[in-house]
Amino acid sequence: MKRLNAPPEQSLSAVNAANQSVAQSTAMALADATDNLRNLNTLSTTAIGTALSQLLETGDTKYMDIIDQAQKVVSHGAENFGTVGEKIASVLYDRTSQ
């Protein structure tokens, strides 16, 4: 019978601490990537809205370039988020398969 309140075996204590540290670090990295994506979307949406307003007001097509660039920022941000997510998944998978 296993005691529930028993301390972990000494041989596993360092491994458990390392696993917890890796899990916490990857969770923080994913949270940072999420914040980054949210911020990029907010900035890009604001830029698009402002440029669209100016385009409608002036008819100057230079604002289309701003809209295109802002949309590219969103696309690159989403790609970066996907890359970070893949790296995090890889790290977690490698840790659990050891």
PDB file of N, CA and C in Angstrom:
ATOM      1  N   MET A   1       0.840  -1.169   0.000  1.00  0.00           N
ATOM      2  CA  MET A   1       0.000   0.000   0.000  1.00  0.00           C
ATOM      3  C   MET A   1       0.894   1.244   0.000  1.00  0.00           C
ATOM      4  N   LYS A   2       0.538   2.210  -0.811  1.00  0.00           N
ATOM      5  CA  LYS A   2       1.319   3.436  -0.927  1.00  0.00           C
ATOM      6  C   LYS A   2       0.763   4.489   0.024  1.00  0.00           C
ATOM      7  N   ARG A   3       1.668   5.123   0.752  1.00  0.00           N
ATOM      8  CA  ARG A   3       1.243   6.204   1.648  1.00  0.00           C
ATOM      9  C   ARG A   3       1.066   7.478   0.836  1.00  0.00           C
ATOM     10  N   LEU A   4      -0.069   8.120   0.985  1.00  0.00           N
ATOM     11  CA  LEU A   4      -0.360   9.317   0.202  1.00  0.00           C
ATOM     12  C   LEU A   4       0.425  10.527   0.665  1.00  0.00           C
ATOM     13  N   ASN A   5       0.726  10.619   1.930  1.00  0.00           N
ATOM     14  CA  ASN A   5       1.411  11.788   2.469  1.00  0.00           C
ATOM     15  C   ASN A   5       2.913  11.591   2.606  1.00  0.00           C
ATOM     16  N   ALA A   6       3.427  10.546   2.028  1.00  0.00           N
ATOM     17  CA  ALA A   6       4.855  10.276   2.127  1.00  0.00           C
ATOM     18  C   ALA A   6       5.624  11.206   1.201  1.00  0.00           C
ATOM     19  N   PRO A   7       6.802  11.643   1.600  1.00  0.00           N
ATOM     20  CA  PRO A   7       7.614  12.483   0.710  1.00  0.00           C
ATOM     21  C   PRO A   7       8.063  11.675  -0.500  1.00  0.00           C
ATOM     22  N   PRO A   8       8.354  12.355  -1.607  1.00  0.00           N
ATOM     23  CA  PRO A   8       8.805  11.622  -2.793  1.00  0.00           C
ATOM     24  C   PRO A   8      10.162  10.963  -2.548  1.00  0.00           C
ATOM     25  N   GLU A   9      10.414   9.934  -3.299  1.00  0.00           N
ATOM     26  CA  GLU A   9      11.719   9.279  -3.205  1.00  0.00           C
ATOM     27  C   GLU A   9      12.803  10.279  -3.578  1.00  0.00           C
ATOM     28  N   GLN A  10      13.924  10.208  -2.896  1.00  0.00           N
ATOM     29  CA  GLN A  10      15.004  11.155  -3.151  1.00  0.00           C
ATOM     30  C   GLN A  10      15.479  11.104  -4.594  1.00  0.00           C
ATOM     31  N   SER A  11      15.486   9.931  -5.167  1.00  0.00           N
ATOM     32  CA  SER A  11      15.965   9.784  -6.536  1.00  0.00           C
ATOM     33  C   SER A  11      15.055  10.490  -7.535  1.00  0.00           C
ATOM     34  N   LEU A  12      13.789  10.676  -7.196  1.00  0.00           N
ATOM     35  CA  LEU A  12      12.837  11.319  -8.100  1.00  0.00           C
ATOM     36  C   LEU A  12      12.603  12.788  -7.772  1.00  0.00           C
ATOM     37  N   SER A  13      13.077  13.240  -6.647  1.00  0.00           N
ATOM     38  CA  SER A  13      12.815  14.607  -6.209  1.00  0.00           C
ATOM     39  C   SER A  13      13.348  15.637  -7.201  1.00  0.00           C
ATOM     40  N   ALA A  14      14.566  15.472  -7.658  1.00  0.00           N
ATOM     41  CA  ALA A  14      15.157  16.422  -8.612  1.00  0.00           C
ATOM     42  C   ALA A  14      14.444  16.355  -9.959  1.00  0.00           C
ATOM     43  N   VAL A  15      14.082  15.160 -10.374  1.00  0.00           N
ATOM     44  CA  VAL A  15      13.367  14.995 -11.647  1.00  0.00           C
ATOM     45  C   VAL A  15      12.009  15.685 -11.580  1.00  0.00           C
ATOM     46  N   ASN A  16      11.303  15.489 -10.477  1.00  0.00           N
ATOM     47  CA  ASN A  16       9.998  16.127 -10.309  1.00  0.00           C
ATOM     48  C   ASN A  16      10.125  17.650 -10.302  1.00  0.00           C
ATOM     49  N   ALA A  17      11.136  18.165  -9.621  1.00  0.00           N
ATOM     50  CA  ALA A  17      11.345  19.613  -9.583  1.00  0.00           C
ATOM     51  C   ALA A  17      11.669  20.147 -10.972  1.00  0.00           C
ATOM     52  N   ALA A  18      12.483  19.424 -11.722  1.00  0.00           N
ATOM     53  CA  ALA A  18      12.829  19.846 -13.081  1.00  0.00           C
ATOM     54  C   ALA A  18      11.599  19.830 -13.989  1.00  0.00           C
ATOM     55  N   ASN A  19      10.781  18.791 -13.856  1.00  0.00           N
ATOM     56  CA  ASN A  19       9.559  18.714 -14.665  1.00  0.00           C
ATOM     57  C   ASN A  19       8.607  19.859 -14.344  1.00  0.00           C
ATOM     58  N   GLN A  20       8.481  20.189 -13.087  1.00  0.00           N
ATOM     59  CA  GLN A  20       7.620  21.313 -12.698  1.00  0.00           C
ATOM     60  C   GLN A  20       8.156  22.628 -13.246  1.00  0.00           C
ATOM     61  N   SER A  21       9.452  22.788 -13.210  1.00  0.00           N
ATOM     62  CA  SER A  21      10.072  24.010 -13.728  1.00  0.00           C
ATOM     63  C   SER A  21       9.858  24.140 -15.234  1.00  0.00           C
ATOM     64  N   VAL A  22      10.028  23.044 -15.957  1.00  0.00           N
ATOM     65  CA  VAL A  22       9.811  23.050 -17.408  1.00  0.00           C
ATOM     66  C   VAL A  22       8.347  23.352 -17.716  1.00  0.00           C
ATOM     67  N   ALA A  23       7.436  22.745 -16.984  1.00  0.00           N
ATOM     68  CA  ALA A  23       6.004  22.978 -17.206  1.00  0.00           C
ATOM     69  C   ALA A  23       5.655  24.441 -16.945  1.00  0.00           C
ATOM     70  N   GLN A  24       6.191  25.002 -15.889  1.00  0.00           N
ATOM     71  CA  GLN A  24       5.904  26.405 -15.575  1.00  0.00           C
ATOM     72  C   GLN A  24       6.498  27.338 -16.631  1.00  0.00           C
ATOM     73  N   SER A  25       7.705  27.055 -17.061  1.00  0.00           N
ATOM     74  CA  SER A  25       8.353  27.900 -18.079  1.00  0.00           C
ATOM     75  C   SER A  25       7.615  27.850 -19.404  1.00  0.00           C
ATOM     76  N   THR A  26       7.174  26.668 -19.797  1.00  0.00           N
ATOM     77  CA  THR A  26       6.445  26.568 -21.064  1.00  0.00           C
ATOM     78  C   THR A  26       5.080  27.233 -20.965  1.00  0.00           C
ATOM     79  N   ALA A  27       4.437  27.135 -19.814  1.00  0.00           N
ATOM     80  CA  ALA A  27       3.149  27.815 -19.635  1.00  0.00           C
ATOM     81  C   ALA A  27       3.326  29.323 -19.720  1.00  0.00           C
ATOM     82  N   MET A  28       4.401  29.835 -19.139  1.00  0.00           N
ATOM     83  CA  MET A  28       4.677  31.272 -19.204  1.00  0.00           C
ATOM     84  C   MET A  28       4.997  31.702 -20.636  1.00  0.00           C
ATOM     85  N   ALA A  29       5.723  30.876 -21.366  1.00  0.00           N
ATOM     86  CA  ALA A  29       6.048  31.197 -22.758  1.00  0.00           C
ATOM     87  C   ALA A  29       4.779  31.252 -23.605  1.00  0.00           C
ATOM     88  N   LEU A  30       3.869  30.323 -23.381  1.00  0.00           N
ATOM     89  CA  LEU A  30       2.610  30.325 -24.125  1.00  0.00           C
ATOM     90  C   LEU A  30       1.759  31.539 -23.751  1.00  0.00           C
ATOM     91  N   ALA A  31       1.748  31.895 -22.478  1.00  0.00           N
ATOM     92  CA  ALA A  31       1.002  33.083 -22.047  1.00  0.00           C
ATOM     93  C   ALA A  31       1.586  34.342 -22.687  1.00  0.00           C
ATOM     94  N   ASP A  32       2.916  34.433 -22.744  1.00  0.00           N
ATOM     95  CA  ASP A  32       3.562  35.581 -23.384  1.00  0.00           C
ATOM     96  C   ASP A  32       3.234  35.642 -24.876  1.00  0.00           C
ATOM     97  N   ALA A  33       3.241  34.500 -25.528  1.00  0.00           N
ATOM     98  CA  ALA A  33       2.922  34.459 -26.958  1.00  0.00           C
ATOM     99  C   ALA A  33       1.462  34.864 -27.191  1.00  0.00           C
ATOM    100  N   THR A  34       0.590  34.451 -26.300  1.00  0.00           N
ATOM    101  CA  THR A  34      -0.821  34.830 -26.397  1.00  0.00           C
ATOM    102  C   THR A  34      -0.986  36.328 -26.221  1.00  0.00           C
ATOM    103  N   ASP A  35      -0.309  36.888 -25.232  1.00  0.00           N
ATOM    104  CA  ASP A  35      -0.353  38.346 -25.022  1.00  0.00           C
ATOM    105  C   ASP A  35       0.178  39.092 -26.234  1.00  0.00           C
ATOM    106  N   ASN A  36       1.264  38.594 -26.795  1.00  0.00           N
ATOM    107  CA  ASN A  36       1.851  39.223 -27.976  1.00  0.00           C
ATOM    108  C   ASN A  36       0.867  39.227 -29.135  1.00  0.00           C
ATOM    109  N   LEU A  37       0.229  38.098 -29.380  1.00  0.00           N
ATOM    110  CA  LEU A  37      -0.743  38.005 -30.469  1.00  0.00           C
ATOM    111  C   LEU A  37      -1.926  38.943 -30.228  1.00  0.00           C
ATOM    112  N   ARG A  38      -2.399  38.982 -28.995  1.00  0.00           N
ATOM    113  CA  ARG A  38      -3.514  39.872 -28.658  1.00  0.00           C
ATOM    114  C   ARG A  38      -3.121  41.338 -28.892  1.00  0.00           C
ATOM    115  N   ASN A  39      -1.922  41.715 -28.471  1.00  0.00           N
ATOM    116  CA  ASN A  39      -1.458  43.096 -28.657  1.00  0.00           C
ATOM    117  C   ASN A  39      -1.301  43.439 -30.139  1.00  0.00           C
ATOM    118  N   LEU A  40      -0.735  42.506 -30.907  1.00  0.00           N
ATOM    119  CA  LEU A  40      -0.591  42.749 -32.347  1.00  0.00           C
ATOM    120  C   LEU A  40      -1.952  42.921 -33.012  1.00  0.00           C
ATOM    121  N   ASN A  41      -2.919  42.108 -32.609  1.00  0.00           N
ATOM    122  CA  ASN A  41      -4.261  42.227 -33.179  1.00  0.00           C
ATOM    123  C   ASN A  41      -4.899  43.568 -32.821  1.00  0.00           C
ATOM    124  N   THR A  42      -4.700  44.008 -31.586  1.00  0.00           N
ATOM    125  CA  THR A  42      -5.258  45.293 -31.168  1.00  0.00           C
ATOM    126  C   THR A  42      -4.640  46.440 -31.960  1.00  0.00           C
ATOM    127  N   LEU A  43      -3.312  46.437 -32.068  1.00  0.00           N
ATOM    128  CA  LEU A  43      -2.629  47.500 -32.811  1.00  0.00           C
ATOM    129  C   LEU A  43      -3.013  47.484 -34.288  1.00  0.00           C
ATOM    130  N   SER A  44      -3.058  46.305 -34.865  1.00  0.00           N
ATOM    131  CA  SER A  44      -3.377  46.192 -36.287  1.00  0.00           C
ATOM    132  C   SER A  44      -4.819  46.603 -36.573  1.00  0.00           C
ATOM    133  N   THR A  45      -5.728  46.194 -35.711  1.00  0.00           N
ATOM    134  CA  THR A  45      -7.129  46.575 -35.895  1.00  0.00           C
ATOM    135  C   THR A  45      -7.293  48.088 -35.810  1.00  0.00           C
ATOM    136  N   THR A  46      -6.582  48.695 -34.877  1.00  0.00           N
ATOM    137  CA  THR A  46      -6.641  50.154 -34.745  1.00  0.00           C
ATOM    138  C   THR A  46      -6.064  50.831 -35.984  1.00  0.00           C
ATOM    139  N   ALA A  47      -4.933  50.331 -36.459  1.00  0.00           N
ATOM    140  CA  ALA A  47      -4.321  50.902 -37.663  1.00  0.00           C
ATOM    141  C   ALA A  47      -5.225  50.739 -38.877  1.00  0.00           C
ATOM    142  N   ILE A  48      -5.831  49.572 -39.003  1.00  0.00           N
ATOM    143  CA  ILE A  48      -6.730  49.326 -40.138  1.00  0.00           C
ATOM    144  C   ILE A  48      -7.937  50.256 -40.070  1.00  0.00           C
ATOM    145  N   GLY A  49      -8.509  50.394 -38.891  1.00  0.00           N
ATOM    146  CA  GLY A  49      -9.660  51.270 -38.738  1.00  0.00           C
ATOM    147  C   GLY A  49      -9.338  52.718 -39.055  1.00  0.00           C
ATOM    148  N   THR A  50      -8.181  53.179 -38.591  1.00  0.00           N
ATOM    149  CA  THR A  50      -7.769  54.552 -38.860  1.00  0.00           C
ATOM    150  C   THR A  50      -7.496  54.755 -40.345  1.00  0.00           C
ATOM    151  N   ALA A  51      -6.773  53.818 -40.943  1.00  0.00           N
ATOM    152  CA  ALA A  51      -6.451  53.930 -42.371  1.00  0.00           C
ATOM    153  C   ALA A  51      -7.712  53.853 -43.223  1.00  0.00           C
ATOM    154  N   LEU A  52      -8.636  52.991 -42.854  1.00  0.00           N
ATOM    155  CA  LEU A  52      -9.884  52.875 -43.609  1.00  0.00           C
ATOM    156  C   LEU A  52     -10.690  54.171 -43.518  1.00  0.00           C
ATOM    157  N   SER A  53     -10.713  54.745 -42.344  1.00  0.00           N
ATOM    158  CA  SER A  53     -11.407  56.024 -42.173  1.00  0.00           C
ATOM    159  C   SER A  53     -10.792  57.100 -43.069  1.00  0.00           C
ATOM    160  N   GLN A  54      -9.461  57.158 -43.091  1.00  0.00           N
ATOM    161  CA  GLN A  54      -8.773  58.135 -43.932  1.00  0.00           C
ATOM    162  C   GLN A  54      -8.996  57.855 -45.416  1.00  0.00           C
ATOM    163  N   LEU A  55      -9.004  56.580 -45.776  1.00  0.00           N
ATOM    164  CA  LEU A  55      -9.244  56.201 -47.162  1.00  0.00           C
ATOM    165  C   LEU A  55     -10.630  56.659 -47.615  1.00  0.00           C
ATOM    166  N   LEU A  56     -11.612  56.422 -46.772  1.00  0.00           N
ATOM    167  CA  LEU A  56     -12.970  56.817 -47.119  1.00  0.00           C
ATOM    168  C   LEU A  56     -13.122  58.340 -47.165  1.00  0.00           C
ATOM    169  N   GLU A  57     -12.396  59.013 -46.295  1.00  0.00           N
ATOM    170  CA  GLU A  57     -12.486  60.466 -46.238  1.00  0.00           C
ATOM    171  C   GLU A  57     -11.778  61.144 -47.402  1.00  0.00           C
ATOM    172  N   THR A  58     -10.581  60.637 -47.730  1.00  0.00           N
ATOM    173  CA  THR A  58      -9.753  61.313 -48.737  1.00  0.00           C
ATOM    174  C   THR A  58      -9.771  60.639 -50.095  1.00  0.00           C
ATOM    175  N   GLY A  59     -10.023  59.341 -50.120  1.00  0.00           N
ATOM    176  CA  GLY A  59      -9.952  58.605 -51.376  1.00  0.00           C
ATOM    177  C   GLY A  59      -8.526  58.285 -51.794  1.00  0.00           C
ATOM    178  N   ASP A  60      -7.554  58.661 -50.965  1.00  0.00           N
ATOM    179  CA  ASP A  60      -6.135  58.427 -51.279  1.00  0.00           C
ATOM    180  C   ASP A  60      -5.805  56.946 -51.070  1.00  0.00           C
ATOM    181  N   THR A  61      -5.337  56.302 -52.123  1.00  0.00           N
ATOM    182  CA  THR A  61      -5.072  54.854 -52.071  1.00  0.00           C
ATOM    183  C   THR A  61      -3.823  54.497 -51.261  1.00  0.00           C
ATOM    184  N   LYS A  62      -3.057  55.473 -50.822  1.00  0.00           N
ATOM    185  CA  LYS A  62      -1.882  55.156 -50.006  1.00  0.00           C
ATOM    186  C   LYS A  62      -2.296  54.462 -48.701  1.00  0.00           C
ATOM    187  N   TYR A  63      -3.540  54.694 -48.280  1.00  0.00           N
ATOM    188  CA  TYR A  63      -4.014  54.060 -47.056  1.00  0.00           C
ATOM    189  C   TYR A  63      -4.246  52.559 -47.237  1.00  0.00           C
ATOM    190  N   MET A  64      -4.392  52.120 -48.476  1.00  0.00           N
ATOM    191  CA  MET A  64      -4.507  50.682 -48.740  1.00  0.00           C
ATOM    192  C   MET A  64      -3.210  49.964 -48.377  1.00  0.00           C
ATOM    193  N   ASP A  65      -2.072  50.625 -48.593  1.00  0.00           N
ATOM    194  CA  ASP A  65      -0.780  50.036 -48.221  1.00  0.00           C
ATOM    195  C   ASP A  65      -0.700  49.830 -46.708  1.00  0.00           C
ATOM    196  N   ILE A  66      -1.204  50.804 -45.965  1.00  0.00           N
ATOM    197  CA  ILE A  66      -1.194  50.684 -44.505  1.00  0.00           C
ATOM    198  C   ILE A  66      -2.076  49.520 -44.071  1.00  0.00           C
ATOM    199  N   ILE A  67      -3.232  49.401 -44.691  1.00  0.00           N
ATOM    200  CA  ILE A  67      -4.139  48.300 -44.368  1.00  0.00           C
ATOM    201  C   ILE A  67      -3.481  46.956 -44.684  1.00  0.00           C
ATOM    202  N   ASP A  68      -2.842  46.871 -45.831  1.00  0.00           N
ATOM    203  CA  ASP A  68      -2.151  45.629 -46.213  1.00  0.00           C
ATOM    204  C   ASP A  68      -1.043  45.280 -45.221  1.00  0.00           C
ATOM    205  N   GLN A  69      -0.253  46.271 -44.840  1.00  0.00           N
ATOM    206  CA  GLN A  69       0.839  46.027 -43.894  1.00  0.00           C
ATOM    207  C   GLN A  69       0.302  45.595 -42.529  1.00  0.00           C
ATOM    208  N   ALA A  70      -0.773  46.221 -42.085  1.00  0.00           N
ATOM    209  CA  ALA A  70      -1.360  45.851 -40.792  1.00  0.00           C
ATOM    210  C   ALA A  70      -1.892  44.417 -40.832  1.00  0.00           C
ATOM    211  N   GLN A  71      -2.461  44.012 -41.962  1.00  0.00           N
ATOM    212  CA  GLN A  71      -2.944  42.638 -42.096  1.00  0.00           C
ATOM    213  C   GLN A  71      -1.778  41.652 -42.103  1.00  0.00           C
ATOM    214  N   LYS A  72      -0.653  42.060 -42.690  1.00  0.00           N
ATOM    215  CA  LYS A  72       0.533  41.193 -42.677  1.00  0.00           C
ATOM    216  C   LYS A  72       1.071  41.023 -41.264  1.00  0.00           C
ATOM    217  N   VAL A  73       1.001  42.086 -40.456  1.00  0.00           N
ATOM    218  CA  VAL A  73       1.441  41.990 -39.062  1.00  0.00           C
ATOM    219  C   VAL A  73       0.628  40.932 -38.330  1.00  0.00           C
ATOM    220  N   VAL A  74      -0.676  40.921 -38.558  1.00  0.00           N
ATOM    221  CA  VAL A  74      -1.544  39.922 -37.929  1.00  0.00           C
ATOM    222  C   VAL A  74      -1.165  38.518 -38.405  1.00  0.00           C
ATOM    223  N   SER A  75      -0.940  38.367 -39.697  1.00  0.00           N
ATOM    224  CA  SER A  75      -0.570  37.046 -40.234  1.00  0.00           C
ATOM    225  C   SER A  75       0.750  36.552 -39.666  1.00  0.00           C
ATOM    226  N   HIS A  76       1.738  37.436 -39.613  1.00  0.00           N
ATOM    227  CA  HIS A  76       3.048  37.047 -39.060  1.00  0.00           C
ATOM    228  C   HIS A  76       2.932  36.730 -37.566  1.00  0.00           C
ATOM    229  N   GLY A  77       2.094  37.489 -36.872  1.00  0.00           N
ATOM    230  CA  GLY A  77       1.883  37.218 -35.446  1.00  0.00           C
ATOM    231  C   GLY A  77       1.265  35.854 -35.221  1.00  0.00           C
ATOM    232  N   ALA A  78       0.296  35.501 -36.060  1.00  0.00           N
ATOM    233  CA  ALA A  78      -0.340  34.182 -35.945  1.00  0.00           C
ATOM    234  C   ALA A  78       0.653  33.070 -36.265  1.00  0.00           C
ATOM    235  N   GLU A  79       1.497  33.286 -37.271  1.00  0.00           N
ATOM    236  CA  GLU A  79       2.529  32.289 -37.605  1.00  0.00           C
ATOM    237  C   GLU A  79       3.499  32.116 -36.441  1.00  0.00           C
ATOM    238  N   ASN A  80       3.904  33.224 -35.830  1.00  0.00           N
ATOM    239  CA  ASN A  80       4.818  33.169 -34.692  1.00  0.00           C
ATOM    240  C   ASN A  80       4.164  32.432 -33.522  1.00  0.00           C
ATOM    241  N   PHE A  81       2.897  32.704 -33.268  1.00  0.00           N
ATOM    242  CA  PHE A  81       2.173  32.024 -32.208  1.00  0.00           C
ATOM    243  C   PHE A  81       2.161  30.515 -32.464  1.00  0.00           C
ATOM    244  N   GLY A  82       1.912  30.122 -33.710  1.00  0.00           N
ATOM    245  CA  GLY A  82       1.920  28.707 -34.067  1.00  0.00           C
ATOM    246  C   GLY A  82       3.286  28.067 -33.855  1.00  0.00           C
ATOM    247  N   THR A  83       4.335  28.795 -34.223  1.00  0.00           N
ATOM    248  CA  THR A  83       5.691  28.282 -34.035  1.00  0.00           C
ATOM    249  C   THR A  83       6.013  28.097 -32.559  1.00  0.00           C
ATOM    250  N   VAL A  84       5.661  29.086 -31.754  1.00  0.00           N
ATOM    251  CA  VAL A  84       5.897  28.981 -30.311  1.00  0.00           C
ATOM    252  C   VAL A  84       5.120  27.791 -29.749  1.00  0.00           C
ATOM    253  N   GLY A  85       3.870  27.647 -30.164  1.00  0.00           N
ATOM    254  CA  GLY A  85       3.063  26.518 -29.690  1.00  0.00           C
ATOM    255  C   GLY A  85       3.668  25.173 -30.057  1.00  0.00           C
ATOM    256  N   GLU A  86       4.191  25.068 -31.281  1.00  0.00           N
ATOM    257  CA  GLU A  86       4.837  23.823 -31.705  1.00  0.00           C
ATOM    258  C   GLU A  86       6.082  23.536 -30.875  1.00  0.00           C
ATOM    259  N   LYS A  87       6.864  24.562 -30.612  1.00  0.00           N
ATOM    260  CA  LYS A  87       8.084  24.380 -29.805  1.00  0.00           C
ATOM    261  C   LYS A  87       7.736  23.955 -28.388  1.00  0.00           C
ATOM    262  N   ILE A  88       6.704  24.575 -27.824  1.00  0.00           N
ATOM    263  CA  ILE A  88       6.277  24.212 -26.470  1.00  0.00           C
ATOM    264  C   ILE A  88       5.800  22.765 -26.443  1.00  0.00           C
ATOM    265  N   ALA A  89       5.000  22.391 -27.408  1.00  0.00           N
ATOM    266  CA  ALA A  89       4.513  21.011 -27.474  1.00  0.00           C
ATOM    267  C   ALA A  89       5.673  20.032 -27.603  1.00  0.00           C
ATOM    268  N   SER A  90       6.670  20.411 -28.390  1.00  0.00           N
ATOM    269  CA  SER A  90       7.837  19.558 -28.572  1.00  0.00           C
ATOM    270  C   SER A  90       8.597  19.378 -27.260  1.00  0.00           C
ATOM    271  N   VAL A  91       8.786  20.472 -26.539  1.00  0.00           N
ATOM    272  CA  VAL A  91       9.490  20.394 -25.252  1.00  0.00           C
ATOM    273  C   VAL A  91       8.720  19.512 -24.283  1.00  0.00           C
ATOM    274  N   LEU A  92       7.417  19.731 -24.192  1.00  0.00           N
ATOM    275  CA  LEU A  92       6.612  18.937 -23.257  1.00  0.00           C
ATOM    276  C   LEU A  92       6.584  17.464 -23.658  1.00  0.00           C
ATOM    277  N   TYR A  93       6.492  17.198 -24.961  1.00  0.00           N
ATOM    278  CA  TYR A  93       6.497  15.817 -25.418  1.00  0.00           C
ATOM    279  C   TYR A  93       7.837  15.145 -25.096  1.00  0.00           C
ATOM    280  N   ASP A  94       8.930  15.856 -25.329  1.00  0.00           N
ATOM    281  CA  ASP A  94      10.252  15.306 -25.037  1.00  0.00           C
ATOM    282  C   ASP A  94      10.413  15.007 -23.550  1.00  0.00           C
ATOM    283  N   ARG A  95       9.843  15.864 -22.697  1.00  0.00           N
ATOM    284  CA  ARG A  95       9.962  15.663 -21.252  1.00  0.00           C
ATOM    285  C   ARG A  95       9.158  14.449 -20.810  1.00  0.00           C
ATOM    286  N   THR A  96       7.998  14.241 -21.410  1.00  0.00           N
ATOM    287  CA  THR A  96       7.148  13.131 -20.968  1.00  0.00           C
ATOM    288  C   THR A  96       7.588  11.799 -21.549  1.00  0.00           C
ATOM    289  N   SER A  97       8.348  11.844 -22.633  1.00  0.00           N
ATOM    290  CA  SER A  97       8.769  10.582 -23.251  1.00  0.00           C
ATOM    291  C   SER A  97      10.090  10.071 -22.698  1.00  0.00           C
ATOM    292  N   GLN A  98      10.646  10.777 -21.732  1.00  0.00           N
ATOM    293  CA  GLN A  98      11.933  10.335 -21.153  1.00  0.00           C
ATOM    294  C   GLN A  98      11.729   9.289 -20.104  1.00  0.00           C
TER     295      GLN A  98
END
